Amino acid sequence: MTSAAELREMNDEQLEFALKEAQQDLFRLRFQASTEKLDAPSNLRKLRREIARIKTIAHERQLGAVSSEQPSA
């Protein structure tokens, strides 16, 4: 699991790759949970939170890019 500070240091491509990887891991864990072969159920919660962190940072960057493009009145 990565912290928000580590995620902020990544560039956009790395952040997108981390998001895809975390989503794939979450899919695998959900599949394991449905077949009752999940060792640590807490990993589901951790991955969901990591995905939320990644999406939040990506959204912050998007808002920062939009606000820097708009001229101030």
N, C-alpha and C. Protein backbone atom coordinates (compact mmCIF):
# COMPACT_ATOMS: atom_id res chain seq x y z
N MET A 1 0.84 -1.18 0.00
CA MET A 1 0.00 0.00 0.00
C MET A 1 0.88 1.25 0.00
N THR A 2 0.49 2.20 -0.77
CA THR A 2 1.28 3.42 -0.89
C THR A 2 0.58 4.56 -0.16
N SER A 3 1.39 5.46 0.35
CA SER A 3 0.83 6.61 1.06
C SER A 3 0.50 7.72 0.06
N ALA A 4 -0.24 8.69 0.53
CA ALA A 4 -0.63 9.80 -0.34
C ALA A 4 0.60 10.59 -0.79
N ALA A 5 1.59 10.72 0.08
CA ALA A 5 2.80 11.46 -0.28
C ALA A 5 3.54 10.75 -1.41
N GLU A 6 3.62 9.44 -1.34
CA GLU A 6 4.28 8.68 -2.41
C GLU A 6 3.51 8.80 -3.72
N LEU A 7 2.18 8.80 -3.63
CA LEU A 7 1.37 8.92 -4.84
C LEU A 7 1.51 10.31 -5.46
N ARG A 8 1.64 11.33 -4.63
CA ARG A 8 1.78 12.68 -5.15
C ARG A 8 3.10 12.86 -5.91
N GLU A 9 4.12 12.07 -5.55
CA GLU A 9 5.41 12.17 -6.21
C GLU A 9 5.40 11.53 -7.60
N MET A 10 4.42 10.69 -7.88
CA MET A 10 4.34 10.01 -9.18
C MET A 10 3.85 10.96 -10.25
N ASN A 11 4.26 10.69 -11.50
CA ASN A 11 3.71 11.48 -12.59
C ASN A 11 2.36 10.87 -13.00
N ASP A 12 1.70 11.48 -13.96
CA ASP A 12 0.35 11.06 -14.34
C ASP A 12 0.31 9.63 -14.88
N GLU A 13 1.30 9.25 -15.66
CA GLU A 13 1.32 7.90 -16.23
C GLU A 13 1.50 6.85 -15.14
N GLN A 14 2.39 7.12 -14.20
CA GLN A 14 2.60 6.18 -13.10
C GLN A 14 1.36 6.06 -12.23
N LEU A 15 0.68 7.18 -12.03
CA LEU A 15 -0.53 7.19 -11.24
C LEU A 15 -1.63 6.38 -11.92
N GLU A 16 -1.74 6.54 -13.22
CA GLU A 16 -2.74 5.78 -13.98
C GLU A 16 -2.42 4.27 -13.93
N PHE A 17 -1.15 3.92 -14.04
CA PHE A 17 -0.75 2.52 -13.95
C PHE A 17 -1.06 1.94 -12.57
N ALA A 18 -0.78 2.72 -11.52
CA ALA A 18 -1.06 2.28 -10.15
C ALA A 18 -2.55 2.07 -9.95
N LEU A 19 -3.37 2.93 -10.55
CA LEU A 19 -4.82 2.79 -10.45
C LEU A 19 -5.29 1.51 -11.13
N LYS A 20 -4.82 1.26 -12.34
CA LYS A 20 -5.22 0.04 -13.05
C LYS A 20 -4.79 -1.21 -12.29
N GLU A 21 -3.59 -1.18 -11.76
CA GLU A 21 -3.09 -2.34 -11.02
C GLU A 21 -3.91 -2.58 -9.75
N ALA A 22 -4.25 -1.52 -9.04
CA ALA A 22 -5.04 -1.66 -7.82
C ALA A 22 -6.45 -2.16 -8.14
N GLN A 23 -7.02 -1.68 -9.24
CA GLN A 23 -8.35 -2.15 -9.64
C GLN A 23 -8.33 -3.63 -10.01
N GLN A 24 -7.28 -4.07 -10.67
CA GLN A 24 -7.15 -5.49 -11.02
C GLN A 24 -7.00 -6.34 -9.76
N ASP A 25 -6.20 -5.85 -8.81
CA ASP A 25 -6.04 -6.58 -7.55
C ASP A 25 -7.35 -6.67 -6.79
N LEU A 26 -8.11 -5.58 -6.81
CA LEU A 26 -9.41 -5.58 -6.13
C LEU A 26 -10.35 -6.58 -6.78
N PHE A 27 -10.33 -6.66 -8.11
CA PHE A 27 -11.17 -7.64 -8.81
C PHE A 27 -10.81 -9.05 -8.38
N ARG A 28 -9.49 -9.33 -8.33
CA ARG A 28 -9.06 -10.67 -7.92
C ARG A 28 -9.49 -10.98 -6.49
N LEU A 29 -9.37 -10.00 -5.61
CA LEU A 29 -9.77 -10.23 -4.22
C LEU A 29 -11.27 -10.43 -4.09
N ARG A 30 -12.05 -9.68 -4.86
CA ARG A 30 -13.50 -9.87 -4.82
C ARG A 30 -13.87 -11.26 -5.33
N PHE A 31 -13.17 -11.71 -6.34
CA PHE A 31 -13.42 -13.06 -6.86
C PHE A 31 -13.09 -14.10 -5.81
N GLN A 32 -11.97 -13.94 -5.13
CA GLN A 32 -11.60 -14.86 -4.07
C GLN A 32 -12.61 -14.82 -2.93
N ALA A 33 -13.11 -13.64 -2.62
CA ALA A 33 -14.09 -13.50 -1.54
C ALA A 33 -15.39 -14.22 -1.89
N SER A 34 -15.77 -14.18 -3.15
CA SER A 34 -17.02 -14.83 -3.55
C SER A 34 -16.89 -16.35 -3.54
N THR A 35 -15.67 -16.85 -3.73
CA THR A 35 -15.45 -18.30 -3.69
C THR A 35 -14.98 -18.75 -2.31
N GLU A 36 -15.00 -17.83 -1.35
CA GLU A 36 -14.64 -18.09 0.05
C GLU A 36 -13.21 -18.60 0.21
N LYS A 37 -12.31 -18.08 -0.59
CA LYS A 37 -10.90 -18.46 -0.47
C LYS A 37 -10.04 -17.25 -0.14
N LEU A 38 -10.64 -16.25 0.46
CA LEU A 38 -9.93 -15.02 0.78
C LEU A 38 -9.24 -15.18 2.15
N ASP A 39 -7.93 -14.97 2.18
CA ASP A 39 -7.17 -15.12 3.42
C ASP A 39 -7.36 -13.94 4.36
N ALA A 40 -7.26 -12.73 3.83
CA ALA A 40 -7.33 -11.53 4.67
C ALA A 40 -8.42 -10.59 4.12
N PRO A 41 -9.61 -10.61 4.69
CA PRO A 41 -10.68 -9.74 4.21
C PRO A 41 -10.35 -8.25 4.35
N SER A 42 -9.43 -7.91 5.23
CA SER A 42 -9.08 -6.50 5.40
C SER A 42 -8.39 -5.92 4.17
N ASN A 43 -7.85 -6.78 3.32
CA ASN A 43 -7.19 -6.30 2.10
C ASN A 43 -8.18 -5.64 1.14
N LEU A 44 -9.43 -6.07 1.16
CA LEU A 44 -10.45 -5.44 0.32
C LEU A 44 -10.59 -3.97 0.69
N ARG A 45 -10.70 -3.71 1.97
CA ARG A 45 -10.87 -2.34 2.45
C ARG A 45 -9.63 -1.50 2.13
N LYS A 46 -8.45 -2.07 2.32
CA LYS A 46 -7.21 -1.35 2.05
C LYS A 46 -7.11 -0.97 0.57
N LEU A 47 -7.46 -1.90 -0.31
CA LEU A 47 -7.38 -1.61 -1.75
C LEU A 47 -8.41 -0.57 -2.17
N ARG A 48 -9.62 -0.65 -1.62
CA ARG A 48 -10.63 0.36 -1.95
C ARG A 48 -10.15 1.75 -1.53
N ARG A 49 -9.52 1.83 -0.38
CA ARG A 49 -9.01 3.12 0.08
C ARG A 49 -7.85 3.62 -0.77
N GLU A 50 -7.00 2.70 -1.20
CA GLU A 50 -5.89 3.10 -2.07
C GLU A 50 -6.41 3.62 -3.41
N ILE A 51 -7.42 2.95 -3.96
CA ILE A 51 -8.03 3.41 -5.21
C ILE A 51 -8.62 4.80 -5.02
N ALA A 52 -9.28 5.02 -3.89
CA ALA A 52 -9.86 6.33 -3.61
C ALA A 52 -8.76 7.39 -3.51
N ARG A 53 -7.64 7.07 -2.86
CA ARG A 53 -6.52 8.00 -2.76
C ARG A 53 -5.99 8.38 -4.14
N ILE A 54 -5.81 7.37 -4.98
CA ILE A 54 -5.27 7.62 -6.33
C ILE A 54 -6.23 8.50 -7.12
N LYS A 55 -7.52 8.19 -7.05
CA LYS A 55 -8.50 8.99 -7.79
C LYS A 55 -8.57 10.41 -7.26
N THR A 56 -8.43 10.59 -5.96
CA THR A 56 -8.46 11.92 -5.36
C THR A 56 -7.29 12.75 -5.85
N ILE A 57 -6.12 12.17 -5.87
CA ILE A 57 -4.93 12.90 -6.32
C ILE A 57 -5.04 13.25 -7.80
N ALA A 58 -5.55 12.31 -8.60
CA ALA A 58 -5.74 12.58 -10.02
C ALA A 58 -6.74 13.72 -10.22
N HIS A 59 -7.80 13.73 -9.42
CA HIS A 59 -8.81 14.78 -9.53
C HIS A 59 -8.23 16.13 -9.10
N GLU A 60 -7.41 16.14 -8.05
CA GLU A 60 -6.77 17.39 -7.61
C GLU A 60 -5.90 17.96 -8.73
N ARG A 61 -5.16 17.08 -9.40
CA ARG A 61 -4.31 17.54 -10.50
C ARG A 61 -5.15 18.09 -11.65
N GLN A 62 -6.26 17.43 -11.90
CA GLN A 62 -7.14 17.88 -12.97
C GLN A 62 -7.70 19.26 -12.64
N LEU A 63 -8.13 19.46 -11.41
CA LEU A 63 -8.66 20.76 -11.00
C LEU A 63 -7.57 21.83 -11.04
N GLY A 64 -6.36 21.46 -10.67
CA GLY A 64 -5.25 22.42 -10.71
C GLY A 64 -4.94 22.82 -12.14
N ALA A 65 -5.01 21.90 -13.07
CA ALA A 65 -4.75 22.21 -14.48
C ALA A 65 -5.84 23.10 -15.04
N VAL A 66 -7.08 22.85 -14.65
CA VAL A 66 -8.19 23.65 -15.14
C VAL A 66 -8.13 25.06 -14.58
N SER A 67 -7.83 25.18 -13.29
CA SER A 67 -7.79 26.51 -12.68
C SER A 67 -6.62 27.33 -13.19
N SER A 68 -5.52 26.70 -13.55
CA SER A 68 -4.38 27.44 -14.08
C SER A 68 -4.63 27.89 -15.52
N GLU A 69 -5.51 27.20 -16.24
CA GLU A 69 -5.81 27.57 -17.62
C GLU A 69 -6.78 28.75 -17.69
N GLN A 70 -7.66 28.87 -16.69
CA GLN A 70 -8.66 29.94 -16.71
C GLN A 70 -8.03 31.24 -16.23
N PRO A 71 -8.24 32.35 -16.98
CA PRO A 71 -7.72 33.63 -16.54
C PRO A 71 -8.54 34.15 -15.35
N SER A 72 -7.88 34.79 -14.43
CA SER A 72 -8.59 35.33 -13.26
C SER A 72 -9.22 36.66 -13.65
N ALA A 73 -10.35 36.95 -13.02
CA ALA A 73 -11.11 38.15 -13.39
C ALA A 73 -10.68 39.37 -12.68
